[in-house]
Amino acid sequence: MDSKYLVVYTTTANRLDADRLASALVEKRLAACAQVEGPITSTYWWQGRLEKGEEWRCAFKTSAACYQELEAELTRIHPYETPEILAVAFTQGSRDYFHWMDAELRQPESC
């Protein structure tokens, strides 16, 4: 299986923002599916200080062809100044699930 499919992760400070991002990217067909989970606890450096906070994680199932547009839209609508946007390639998976994703995402030529 090639890595034409990705899961893209980000986090938000609250459930409302996470749900808003999930809906926006699925409605635009930049993600076939978005999952929201949390709360989680994140520990990180920000502006020279060690921070700890409650966040919500979003996972967007998409294609490599749609990644650049998904990243641009996520950056545009995300409430964070510097949002976490990490993409991980699927190396294997159900062909039926990948066919479903293909049907739900924008066609590669329109991404």
N, C-alpha and C. Protein backbone atom coordinates (compact mmCIF):
# COMPACT_ATOMS: atom_id res chain seq x y z
N MET A 1 0.85 -1.18 0.00
CA MET A 1 0.00 0.00 0.00
C MET A 1 0.90 1.24 0.00
N ASP A 2 0.68 2.14 -0.94
CA ASP A 2 1.43 3.39 -0.93
C ASP A 2 0.89 4.30 0.15
N SER A 3 1.57 5.40 0.38
CA SER A 3 1.10 6.30 1.44
C SER A 3 0.36 7.49 0.83
N LYS A 4 -0.66 7.18 0.08
CA LYS A 4 -1.47 8.23 -0.52
C LYS A 4 -2.51 8.76 0.46
N TYR A 5 -2.64 8.11 1.62
CA TYR A 5 -3.61 8.51 2.63
C TYR A 5 -2.90 8.96 3.90
N LEU A 6 -3.47 9.97 4.55
CA LEU A 6 -2.86 10.57 5.74
C LEU A 6 -3.89 10.73 6.84
N VAL A 7 -3.39 10.79 8.06
CA VAL A 7 -4.17 11.32 9.17
C VAL A 7 -3.42 12.56 9.63
N VAL A 8 -4.15 13.66 9.76
CA VAL A 8 -3.56 14.94 10.15
C VAL A 8 -4.11 15.29 11.53
N TYR A 9 -3.20 15.61 12.44
CA TYR A 9 -3.58 15.91 13.83
C TYR A 9 -3.41 17.39 14.14
N THR A 10 -4.30 17.87 14.98
CA THR A 10 -4.16 19.19 15.59
C THR A 10 -4.81 19.13 16.97
N THR A 11 -4.59 20.15 17.77
CA THR A 11 -5.23 20.26 19.08
C THR A 11 -5.86 21.64 19.21
N THR A 12 -6.86 21.72 20.09
CA THR A 12 -7.52 22.99 20.39
C THR A 12 -7.70 23.09 21.91
N ALA A 13 -8.01 24.28 22.36
CA ALA A 13 -8.16 24.51 23.79
C ALA A 13 -9.52 24.06 24.33
N ASN A 14 -10.50 23.86 23.44
CA ASN A 14 -11.82 23.47 23.92
C ASN A 14 -12.56 22.64 22.88
N ARG A 15 -13.59 21.98 23.33
CA ARG A 15 -14.37 21.08 22.48
C ARG A 15 -15.09 21.84 21.37
N LEU A 16 -15.59 23.01 21.65
CA LEU A 16 -16.30 23.80 20.65
C LEU A 16 -15.42 24.09 19.45
N ASP A 17 -14.17 24.54 19.69
CA ASP A 17 -13.24 24.80 18.59
C ASP A 17 -12.92 23.52 17.82
N ALA A 18 -12.72 22.42 18.54
CA ALA A 18 -12.41 21.14 17.89
C ALA A 18 -13.55 20.72 16.98
N ASP A 19 -14.77 20.81 17.47
CA ASP A 19 -15.94 20.45 16.66
C ASP A 19 -16.09 21.36 15.45
N ARG A 20 -15.80 22.64 15.64
CA ARG A 20 -15.89 23.61 14.53
C ARG A 20 -14.88 23.28 13.43
N LEU A 21 -13.64 22.96 13.83
CA LEU A 21 -12.62 22.59 12.84
C LEU A 21 -13.00 21.30 12.12
N ALA A 22 -13.47 20.32 12.88
CA ALA A 22 -13.87 19.04 12.29
C ALA A 22 -14.95 19.25 11.24
N SER A 23 -15.99 19.98 11.60
CA SER A 23 -17.09 20.22 10.66
C SER A 23 -16.62 20.98 9.42
N ALA A 24 -15.81 22.00 9.62
CA ALA A 24 -15.37 22.84 8.49
C ALA A 24 -14.57 22.03 7.47
N LEU A 25 -13.65 21.19 7.93
CA LEU A 25 -12.81 20.46 6.98
C LEU A 25 -13.55 19.31 6.31
N VAL A 26 -14.47 18.68 7.02
CA VAL A 26 -15.27 17.62 6.39
C VAL A 26 -16.26 18.24 5.40
N GLU A 27 -16.89 19.35 5.76
CA GLU A 27 -17.83 20.01 4.85
C GLU A 27 -17.15 20.43 3.56
N LYS A 28 -15.90 20.86 3.64
CA LYS A 28 -15.15 21.27 2.44
C LYS A 28 -14.57 20.07 1.69
N ARG A 29 -14.81 18.87 2.23
CA ARG A 29 -14.31 17.61 1.64
C ARG A 29 -12.79 17.57 1.57
N LEU A 30 -12.14 18.28 2.50
CA LEU A 30 -10.69 18.17 2.65
C LEU A 30 -10.33 17.02 3.57
N ALA A 31 -11.30 16.56 4.34
CA ALA A 31 -11.17 15.37 5.19
C ALA A 31 -12.41 14.52 4.97
N ALA A 32 -12.20 13.22 4.83
CA ALA A 32 -13.34 12.31 4.69
C ALA A 32 -14.01 12.09 6.04
N CYS A 33 -13.21 12.21 7.09
CA CYS A 33 -13.68 11.94 8.44
C CYS A 33 -12.83 12.78 9.39
N ALA A 34 -13.45 13.26 10.44
CA ALA A 34 -12.71 13.95 11.50
C ALA A 34 -13.16 13.36 12.83
N GLN A 35 -12.21 13.07 13.67
CA GLN A 35 -12.51 12.55 15.00
C GLN A 35 -11.99 13.52 16.04
N VAL A 36 -12.79 13.73 17.06
CA VAL A 36 -12.43 14.62 18.16
C VAL A 36 -12.34 13.77 19.42
N GLU A 37 -11.25 13.91 20.14
CA GLU A 37 -11.11 13.18 21.40
C GLU A 37 -10.53 14.09 22.45
N GLY A 38 -10.88 13.79 23.69
CA GLY A 38 -10.34 14.57 24.78
C GLY A 38 -11.31 14.57 25.95
N PRO A 39 -10.98 15.27 26.94
CA PRO A 39 -9.79 16.13 26.99
C PRO A 39 -8.51 15.32 27.21
N ILE A 40 -7.42 15.91 26.73
CA ILE A 40 -6.08 15.39 26.96
C ILE A 40 -5.29 16.47 27.68
N THR A 41 -4.20 16.09 28.30
CA THR A 41 -3.33 17.06 28.94
C THR A 41 -2.07 17.21 28.10
N SER A 42 -1.74 18.43 27.74
CA SER A 42 -0.55 18.73 26.95
C SER A 42 0.44 19.52 27.81
N THR A 43 1.70 19.14 27.73
CA THR A 43 2.79 19.86 28.38
C THR A 43 3.75 20.30 27.29
N TYR A 44 4.10 21.59 27.26
CA TYR A 44 4.88 22.11 26.14
C TYR A 44 5.54 23.44 26.53
N TRP A 45 6.55 23.81 25.74
CA TRP A 45 7.17 25.13 25.88
C TRP A 45 6.43 26.10 24.99
N TRP A 46 6.11 27.28 25.51
CA TRP A 46 5.50 28.34 24.70
C TRP A 46 6.03 29.68 25.18
N GLN A 47 6.68 30.38 24.28
CA GLN A 47 7.23 31.71 24.54
C GLN A 47 8.10 31.71 25.79
N GLY A 48 8.99 30.69 25.87
CA GLY A 48 9.97 30.63 26.94
C GLY A 48 9.47 30.09 28.26
N ARG A 49 8.23 29.64 28.32
CA ARG A 49 7.67 29.12 29.56
C ARG A 49 7.15 27.71 29.37
N LEU A 50 7.32 26.91 30.40
CA LEU A 50 6.75 25.56 30.41
C LEU A 50 5.26 25.69 30.73
N GLU A 51 4.43 25.17 29.84
CA GLU A 51 2.98 25.28 29.99
C GLU A 51 2.37 23.89 30.11
N LYS A 52 1.23 23.83 30.74
CA LYS A 52 0.44 22.60 30.82
C LYS A 52 -1.01 23.01 30.71
N GLY A 53 -1.74 22.29 29.86
CA GLY A 53 -3.14 22.65 29.70
C GLY A 53 -3.98 21.52 29.15
N GLU A 54 -5.27 21.67 29.29
CA GLU A 54 -6.22 20.72 28.76
C GLU A 54 -6.50 21.09 27.31
N GLU A 55 -6.48 20.08 26.45
CA GLU A 55 -6.75 20.30 25.04
C GLU A 55 -7.62 19.17 24.50
N TRP A 56 -8.09 19.40 23.27
CA TRP A 56 -8.87 18.41 22.53
C TRP A 56 -8.11 18.10 21.25
N ARG A 57 -8.00 16.82 20.92
CA ARG A 57 -7.25 16.39 19.73
C ARG A 57 -8.23 16.12 18.59
N CYS A 58 -7.87 16.61 17.42
CA CYS A 58 -8.62 16.33 16.20
C CYS A 58 -7.75 15.50 15.27
N ALA A 59 -8.34 14.48 14.68
CA ALA A 59 -7.67 13.65 13.68
C ALA A 59 -8.49 13.72 12.40
N PHE A 60 -7.86 14.14 11.32
CA PHE A 60 -8.52 14.30 10.03
C PHE A 60 -7.99 13.23 9.08
N LYS A 61 -8.88 12.41 8.52
CA LYS A 61 -8.49 11.39 7.54
C LYS A 61 -8.57 12.05 6.16
N THR A 62 -7.45 12.05 5.44
CA THR A 62 -7.39 12.75 4.16
C THR A 62 -6.45 12.03 3.21
N SER A 63 -6.23 12.63 2.06
CA SER A 63 -5.29 12.09 1.08
C SER A 63 -4.08 13.02 0.99
N ALA A 64 -2.98 12.47 0.52
CA ALA A 64 -1.78 13.29 0.32
C ALA A 64 -2.07 14.40 -0.68
N ALA A 65 -2.92 14.12 -1.67
CA ALA A 65 -3.26 15.12 -2.68
C ALA A 65 -4.00 16.33 -2.08
N CYS A 66 -4.75 16.12 -1.02
CA CYS A 66 -5.51 17.21 -0.38
C CYS A 66 -4.76 17.87 0.77
N TYR A 67 -3.58 17.36 1.12
CA TYR A 67 -2.91 17.85 2.32
C TYR A 67 -2.63 19.35 2.29
N GLN A 68 -2.05 19.87 1.24
CA GLN A 68 -1.65 21.28 1.22
C GLN A 68 -2.86 22.20 1.42
N GLU A 69 -3.97 21.88 0.77
CA GLU A 69 -5.17 22.71 0.95
C GLU A 69 -5.74 22.55 2.35
N LEU A 70 -5.72 21.33 2.88
CA LEU A 70 -6.19 21.11 4.25
C LEU A 70 -5.34 21.90 5.23
N GLU A 71 -4.02 21.85 5.07
CA GLU A 71 -3.13 22.60 5.97
C GLU A 71 -3.41 24.10 5.89
N ALA A 72 -3.56 24.62 4.68
CA ALA A 72 -3.82 26.05 4.51
C ALA A 72 -5.13 26.46 5.18
N GLU A 73 -6.19 25.66 4.98
CA GLU A 73 -7.49 25.98 5.58
C GLU A 73 -7.44 25.84 7.09
N LEU A 74 -6.78 24.80 7.58
CA LEU A 74 -6.67 24.60 9.03
C LEU A 74 -5.90 25.75 9.66
N THR A 75 -4.83 26.18 9.04
CA THR A 75 -4.06 27.32 9.55
C THR A 75 -4.92 28.59 9.56
N ARG A 76 -5.72 28.77 8.52
CA ARG A 76 -6.55 29.98 8.40
C ARG A 76 -7.64 30.03 9.48
N ILE A 77 -8.27 28.91 9.79
CA ILE A 77 -9.42 28.93 10.71
C ILE A 77 -9.08 28.52 12.14
N HIS A 78 -7.86 28.05 12.37
CA HIS A 78 -7.49 27.57 13.71
C HIS A 78 -7.32 28.76 14.66
N PRO A 79 -7.81 28.65 15.90
CA PRO A 79 -7.69 29.77 16.83
C PRO A 79 -6.28 29.97 17.39
N TYR A 80 -5.40 28.98 17.29
CA TYR A 80 -4.05 29.12 17.83
C TYR A 80 -3.17 29.95 16.90
N GLU A 81 -2.24 30.69 17.49
CA GLU A 81 -1.26 31.45 16.72
C GLU A 81 -0.36 30.50 15.92
N THR A 82 0.08 29.43 16.54
CA THR A 82 0.92 28.43 15.90
C THR A 82 0.31 27.05 16.17
N PRO A 83 -0.65 26.64 15.35
CA PRO A 83 -1.30 25.36 15.63
C PRO A 83 -0.40 24.17 15.30
N GLU A 84 -0.58 23.11 16.08
CA GLU A 84 0.04 21.84 15.76
C GLU A 84 -0.67 21.29 14.53
N ILE A 85 0.10 21.01 13.49
CA ILE A 85 -0.44 20.35 12.30
C ILE A 85 0.58 19.29 11.91
N LEU A 86 0.25 18.04 12.19
CA LEU A 86 1.15 16.93 11.93
C LEU A 86 0.44 15.90 11.06
N ALA A 87 1.11 15.47 10.01
CA ALA A 87 0.52 14.46 9.11
C ALA A 87 1.32 13.16 9.24
N VAL A 88 0.58 12.07 9.34
CA VAL A 88 1.18 10.75 9.42
C VAL A 88 0.58 9.92 8.29
N ALA A 89 1.44 9.28 7.52
CA ALA A 89 0.98 8.46 6.39
C ALA A 89 0.48 7.10 6.87
N PHE A 90 -0.61 6.66 6.28
CA PHE A 90 -1.06 5.28 6.49
C PHE A 90 -0.17 4.38 5.65
N THR A 91 0.39 3.36 6.23
CA THR A 91 1.18 2.41 5.45
C THR A 91 0.37 1.20 5.04
N GLN A 92 -0.68 0.92 5.79
CA GLN A 92 -1.59 -0.17 5.46
C GLN A 92 -2.97 0.18 5.96
N GLY A 93 -3.96 -0.50 5.41
CA GLY A 93 -5.32 -0.28 5.85
C GLY A 93 -6.30 -1.00 4.97
N SER A 94 -7.54 -0.96 5.36
CA SER A 94 -8.61 -1.61 4.62
C SER A 94 -8.83 -0.93 3.28
N ARG A 95 -8.75 -1.70 2.22
CA ARG A 95 -9.00 -1.14 0.88
C ARG A 95 -10.41 -0.56 0.79
N ASP A 96 -11.37 -1.22 1.44
CA ASP A 96 -12.74 -0.70 1.42
C ASP A 96 -12.82 0.67 2.08
N TYR A 97 -12.09 0.85 3.18
CA TYR A 97 -12.08 2.15 3.85
C TYR A 97 -11.43 3.19 2.95
N PHE A 98 -10.32 2.86 2.31
CA PHE A 98 -9.65 3.80 1.40
C PHE A 98 -10.54 4.14 0.20
N HIS A 99 -11.30 3.19 -0.31
CA HIS A 99 -12.24 3.47 -1.41
C HIS A 99 -13.32 4.44 -0.93
N TRP A 100 -13.79 4.23 0.30
CA TRP A 100 -14.79 5.14 0.86
C TRP A 100 -14.19 6.55 0.98
N MET A 101 -12.95 6.65 1.48
CA MET A 101 -12.30 7.96 1.59
C MET A 101 -12.22 8.63 0.22
N ASP A 102 -11.81 7.87 -0.80
CA ASP A 102 -11.71 8.43 -2.15
C ASP A 102 -13.04 9.03 -2.60
N ALA A 103 -14.13 8.35 -2.28
CA ALA A 103 -15.45 8.82 -2.70
C ALA A 103 -15.88 10.08 -1.96
N GLU A 104 -15.39 10.28 -0.74
CA GLU A 104 -15.83 11.40 0.09
C GLU A 104 -14.93 12.63 -0.02
N LEU A 105 -13.70 12.47 -0.45
CA LEU A 105 -12.77 13.59 -0.57
C LEU A 105 -12.91 14.28 -1.91
N ARG A 106 -12.45 15.53 -1.95
CA ARG A 106 -12.34 16.21 -3.23
C ARG A 106 -11.46 15.37 -4.13
N GLN A 107 -11.70 15.42 -5.40
CA GLN A 107 -10.87 14.69 -6.34
C GLN A 107 -9.48 15.33 -6.37
N PRO A 108 -8.42 14.53 -6.54
CA PRO A 108 -7.05 15.06 -6.47
C PRO A 108 -6.82 16.28 -7.34
N GLU A 109 -7.41 16.33 -8.50
CA GLU A 109 -7.19 17.48 -9.38
C GLU A 109 -7.82 18.76 -8.85
N SER A 110 -8.74 18.65 -7.87
CA SER A 110 -9.34 19.86 -7.30
C SER A 110 -8.75 20.23 -5.94
N CYS A 111 -7.80 19.46 -5.47
CA CYS A 111 -7.14 19.80 -4.20
C CYS A 111 -5.95 20.69 -4.45
